[in-house]
Each structure stands twice: as C-alpha cells, then as structure tokens.
Amino acid sequence: MSNIVNQPGSDAGPVTGEDAASGGTQLVLTIDSRTAQALAELARRCSGVHAARDGFTSHGLLTPVTLLEMLAEDAGMVVTRPGSWEGYNMAQVLVSHGYEL
C-alpha cells in the first residue's frame, strides 16, 4: 500500500492512497459536524426508503460513508458516462454550483 500525501498547492485533494482491501483509492476528508450530522440523517432516511421498498434500491442500506461513495461514483460518471442519468444529473448539480462543464 502506498500513501501519497499531496504537497501544498496540489489540486488532487488532501490525502490519497491505495486501499489494500478493495484495490480502490482512499480519499480522506474533513467536514464540519453539522454536515456530518446531516449526512447521518440523510443516510438514515435513505435506509428507511430502502426498507419500505423491500430492498429495491441501488446501493442498499446506507451509512454516511456508503452515501458519499455512491455520490462519488455518480460524480465520476459525469466523465465516464455523461449520457447516463447519474452522470447527467450530477452534472446538473455541478452547474447549480457554477461549474458548467
């Protein structure tokens, strides 16, 4: 496992490294406590919908981490699958923040 700590001024993010368990890249981020609480509540609500739909959701029960993983996948689809509903809708979120791609 290699850990890469990005140098000051780097635009790649705070910390990245290979995740030995999944073969994926690990990103470490810090969010404020209000955002963390809101993510936990959103994950709880999404998990309630999952239960109400008898498990017919794309990513199953969600935690704040799995919620962010799902959203990261969708954000990546802006590049890898721009015509998909996930990529298109995430591009619209970016547009609402001023990032017209």
C-alpha atoms as a PDB file:
ATOM      1  CA  MET A   1       0.000   0.000   0.000  1.00  0.00           C
ATOM      2  CA  SER A   2       1.411   3.334  -0.981  1.00  0.00           C
ATOM      3  CA  ASN A   3       0.356   6.538   0.687  1.00  0.00           C
ATOM      4  CA  ILE A   4       0.704   9.772  -1.189  1.00  0.00           C
ATOM      5  CA  VAL A   5       0.427  12.986   0.758  1.00  0.00           C
ATOM      6  CA  ASN A   6      -0.221  15.777  -1.679  1.00  0.00           C
ATOM      7  CA  GLN A   7       2.060  18.756  -1.463  1.00  0.00           C
ATOM      8  CA  PRO A   8       0.751  22.233  -0.590  1.00  0.00           C
ATOM      9  CA  GLY A   9      -0.805  23.791  -3.652  1.00  0.00           C
ATOM     10  CA  SER A  10      -1.694  20.420  -5.160  1.00  0.00           C
ATOM     11  CA  ASP A  11      -5.195  20.235  -6.621  1.00  0.00           C
ATOM     12  CA  ALA A  12      -5.502  16.468  -6.140  1.00  0.00           C
ATOM     13  CA  GLY A  13      -7.048  16.600  -2.665  1.00  0.00           C
ATOM     14  CA  PRO A  14      -5.801  16.138   0.883  1.00  0.00           C
ATOM     15  CA  VAL A  15      -4.609  12.537   1.086  1.00  0.00           C
ATOM     16  CA  THR A  16      -4.831   9.624  -1.324  1.00  0.00           C
ATOM     17  CA  GLY A  17      -3.549   6.083  -1.246  1.00  0.00           C
ATOM     18  CA  GLU A  18      -4.402   2.613  -2.406  1.00  0.00           C
ATOM     19  CA  ASP A  19      -6.945   0.772  -0.261  1.00  0.00           C
ATOM     20  CA  ALA A  20      -5.475  -2.705   0.178  1.00  0.00           C
ATOM     21  CA  ALA A  21      -8.863  -4.326   0.821  1.00  0.00           C
ATOM     22  CA  SER A  22     -10.692  -3.128  -2.289  1.00  0.00           C
ATOM     23  CA  GLY A  23      -7.926  -2.090  -4.634  1.00  0.00           C
ATOM     24  CA  GLY A  24      -9.538   1.362  -4.763  1.00  0.00           C
ATOM     25  CA  THR A  25      -8.210   4.755  -3.918  1.00  0.00           C
ATOM     26  CA  GLN A  26      -8.824   6.129  -0.459  1.00  0.00           C
ATOM     27  CA  LEU A  27      -9.626   9.811  -0.011  1.00  0.00           C
ATOM     28  CA  VAL A  28      -9.564  11.374   3.427  1.00  0.00           C
ATOM     29  CA  LEU A  29     -11.640  14.484   4.024  1.00  0.00           C
ATOM     30  CA  THR A  30     -12.740  16.622   6.909  1.00  0.00           C
ATOM     31  CA  ILE A  31     -16.268  18.018   7.158  1.00  0.00           C
ATOM     32  CA  ASP A  32     -17.891  20.113   9.842  1.00  0.00           C
ATOM     33  CA  SER A  33     -20.039  18.431  12.482  1.00  0.00           C
ATOM     34  CA  ARG A  34     -23.313  19.896  11.151  1.00  0.00           C
ATOM     35  CA  THR A  35     -22.633  18.422   7.727  1.00  0.00           C
ATOM     36  CA  ALA A  36     -21.708  15.074   9.316  1.00  0.00           C
ATOM     37  CA  GLN A  37     -24.964  15.076  11.287  1.00  0.00           C
ATOM     38  CA  ALA A  38     -26.964  15.961   8.169  1.00  0.00           C
ATOM     39  CA  LEU A  39     -25.272  13.139   6.216  1.00  0.00           C
ATOM     40  CA  ALA A  40     -26.069  10.678   9.002  1.00  0.00           C
ATOM     41  CA  GLU A  41     -29.718  11.771   8.951  1.00  0.00           C
ATOM     42  CA  LEU A  42     -29.877  11.552   5.158  1.00  0.00           C
ATOM     43  CA  ALA A  43     -28.351   8.064   5.234  1.00  0.00           C
ATOM     44  CA  ARG A  44     -30.898   7.051   7.890  1.00  0.00           C
ATOM     45  CA  ARG A  45     -33.767   8.382   5.734  1.00  0.00           C
ATOM     46  CA  CYS A  46     -32.438   6.627   2.628  1.00  0.00           C
ATOM     47  CA  SER A  47     -32.151   3.390   4.568  1.00  0.00           C
ATOM     48  CA  GLY A  48     -35.770   3.821   5.644  1.00  0.00           C
ATOM     49  CA  VAL A  49     -36.769   4.107   1.982  1.00  0.00           C
ATOM     50  CA  HIS A  50     -34.711   1.001   1.232  1.00  0.00           C
ATOM     51  CA  ALA A  51     -36.672  -0.911   3.882  1.00  0.00           C
ATOM     52  CA  ALA A  52     -40.022   0.456   2.664  1.00  0.00           C
ATOM     53  CA  ARG A  53     -39.199  -0.652  -0.896  1.00  0.00           C
ATOM     54  CA  ASP A  54     -38.347  -4.185   0.257  1.00  0.00           C
ATOM     55  CA  GLY A  55     -34.701  -3.690  -0.636  1.00  0.00           C
ATOM     56  CA  PHE A  56     -35.236  -2.360  -4.152  1.00  0.00           C
ATOM     57  CA  THR A  57     -32.616   0.399  -4.108  1.00  0.00           C
ATOM     58  CA  SER A  58     -29.338   0.561  -5.989  1.00  0.00           C
ATOM     59  CA  HIS A  59     -26.944   0.604  -3.022  1.00  0.00           C
ATOM     60  CA  GLY A  60     -28.864  -0.957  -0.147  1.00  0.00           C
ATOM     61  CA  LEU A  61     -28.800   0.366   3.382  1.00  0.00           C
ATOM     62  CA  LEU A  62     -26.677   3.495   3.580  1.00  0.00           C
ATOM     63  CA  THR A  63     -24.281   4.941   6.108  1.00  0.00           C
ATOM     64  CA  PRO A  64     -22.688   8.358   5.702  1.00  0.00           C
ATOM     65  CA  VAL A  65     -19.640   6.653   4.154  1.00  0.00           C
ATOM     66  CA  THR A  66     -21.592   4.494   1.693  1.00  0.00           C
ATOM     67  CA  LEU A  67     -23.761   7.503   0.813  1.00  0.00           C
ATOM     68  CA  LEU A  68     -20.642   9.503  -0.088  1.00  0.00           C
ATOM     69  CA  GLU A  69     -19.227   6.529  -2.016  1.00  0.00           C
ATOM     70  CA  MET A  70     -22.428   6.342  -4.055  1.00  0.00           C
ATOM     71  CA  LEU A  71     -22.332  10.078  -4.769  1.00  0.00           C
ATOM     72  CA  ALA A  72     -18.649   9.864  -5.739  1.00  0.00           C
ATOM     73  CA  GLU A  73     -19.490   7.103  -8.233  1.00  0.00           C
ATOM     74  CA  ASP A  74     -22.207   9.300  -9.724  1.00  0.00           C
ATOM     75  CA  ALA A  75     -19.863  12.302  -9.877  1.00  0.00           C
ATOM     76  CA  GLY A  76     -17.312  10.197 -11.724  1.00  0.00           C
ATOM     77  CA  MET A  77     -19.986   9.274 -14.253  1.00  0.00           C
ATOM     78  CA  VAL A  78     -20.040  12.926 -15.370  1.00  0.00           C
ATOM     79  CA  VAL A  79     -16.780  11.958 -17.099  1.00  0.00           C
ATOM     80  CA  THR A  80     -17.121   8.211 -17.700  1.00  0.00           C
ATOM     81  CA  ARG A  81     -20.827   8.011 -18.625  1.00  0.00           C
ATOM     82  CA  PRO A  82     -22.054  11.560 -19.318  1.00  0.00           C
ATOM     83  CA  GLY A  83     -25.242  10.352 -21.024  1.00  0.00           C
ATOM     84  CA  SER A  84     -26.326   8.201 -18.092  1.00  0.00           C
ATOM     85  CA  TRP A  85     -28.975   9.546 -15.764  1.00  0.00           C
ATOM     86  CA  GLU A  86     -26.434   9.510 -12.905  1.00  0.00           C
ATOM     87  CA  GLY A  87     -23.805  11.448 -14.868  1.00  0.00           C
ATOM     88  CA  TYR A  88     -26.310  13.881 -16.346  1.00  0.00           C
ATOM     89  CA  ASN A  89     -27.987  14.633 -13.018  1.00  0.00           C
ATOM     90  CA  MET A  90     -24.678  15.055 -11.207  1.00  0.00           C
ATOM     91  CA  ALA A  91     -23.556  17.443 -13.967  1.00  0.00           C
ATOM     92  CA  GLN A  92     -26.715  19.464 -13.237  1.00  0.00           C
ATOM     93  CA  VAL A  93     -25.728  19.643  -9.556  1.00  0.00           C
ATOM     94  CA  LEU A  94     -22.327  20.969 -10.604  1.00  0.00           C
ATOM     95  CA  VAL A  95     -23.977  23.530 -12.901  1.00  0.00           C
ATOM     96  CA  SER A  96     -26.018  24.776  -9.936  1.00  0.00           C
ATOM     97  CA  HIS A  97     -22.681  25.492  -8.208  1.00  0.00           C
ATOM     98  CA  GLY A  98     -21.374  27.385 -11.241  1.00  0.00           C
ATOM     99  CA  TYR A  99     -19.354  24.552 -12.805  1.00  0.00           C
ATOM    100  CA  GLU A 100     -20.716  24.384 -16.331  1.00  0.00           C
ATOM    101  CA  LEU A 101     -18.952  21.507 -17.990  1.00  0.00           C
END
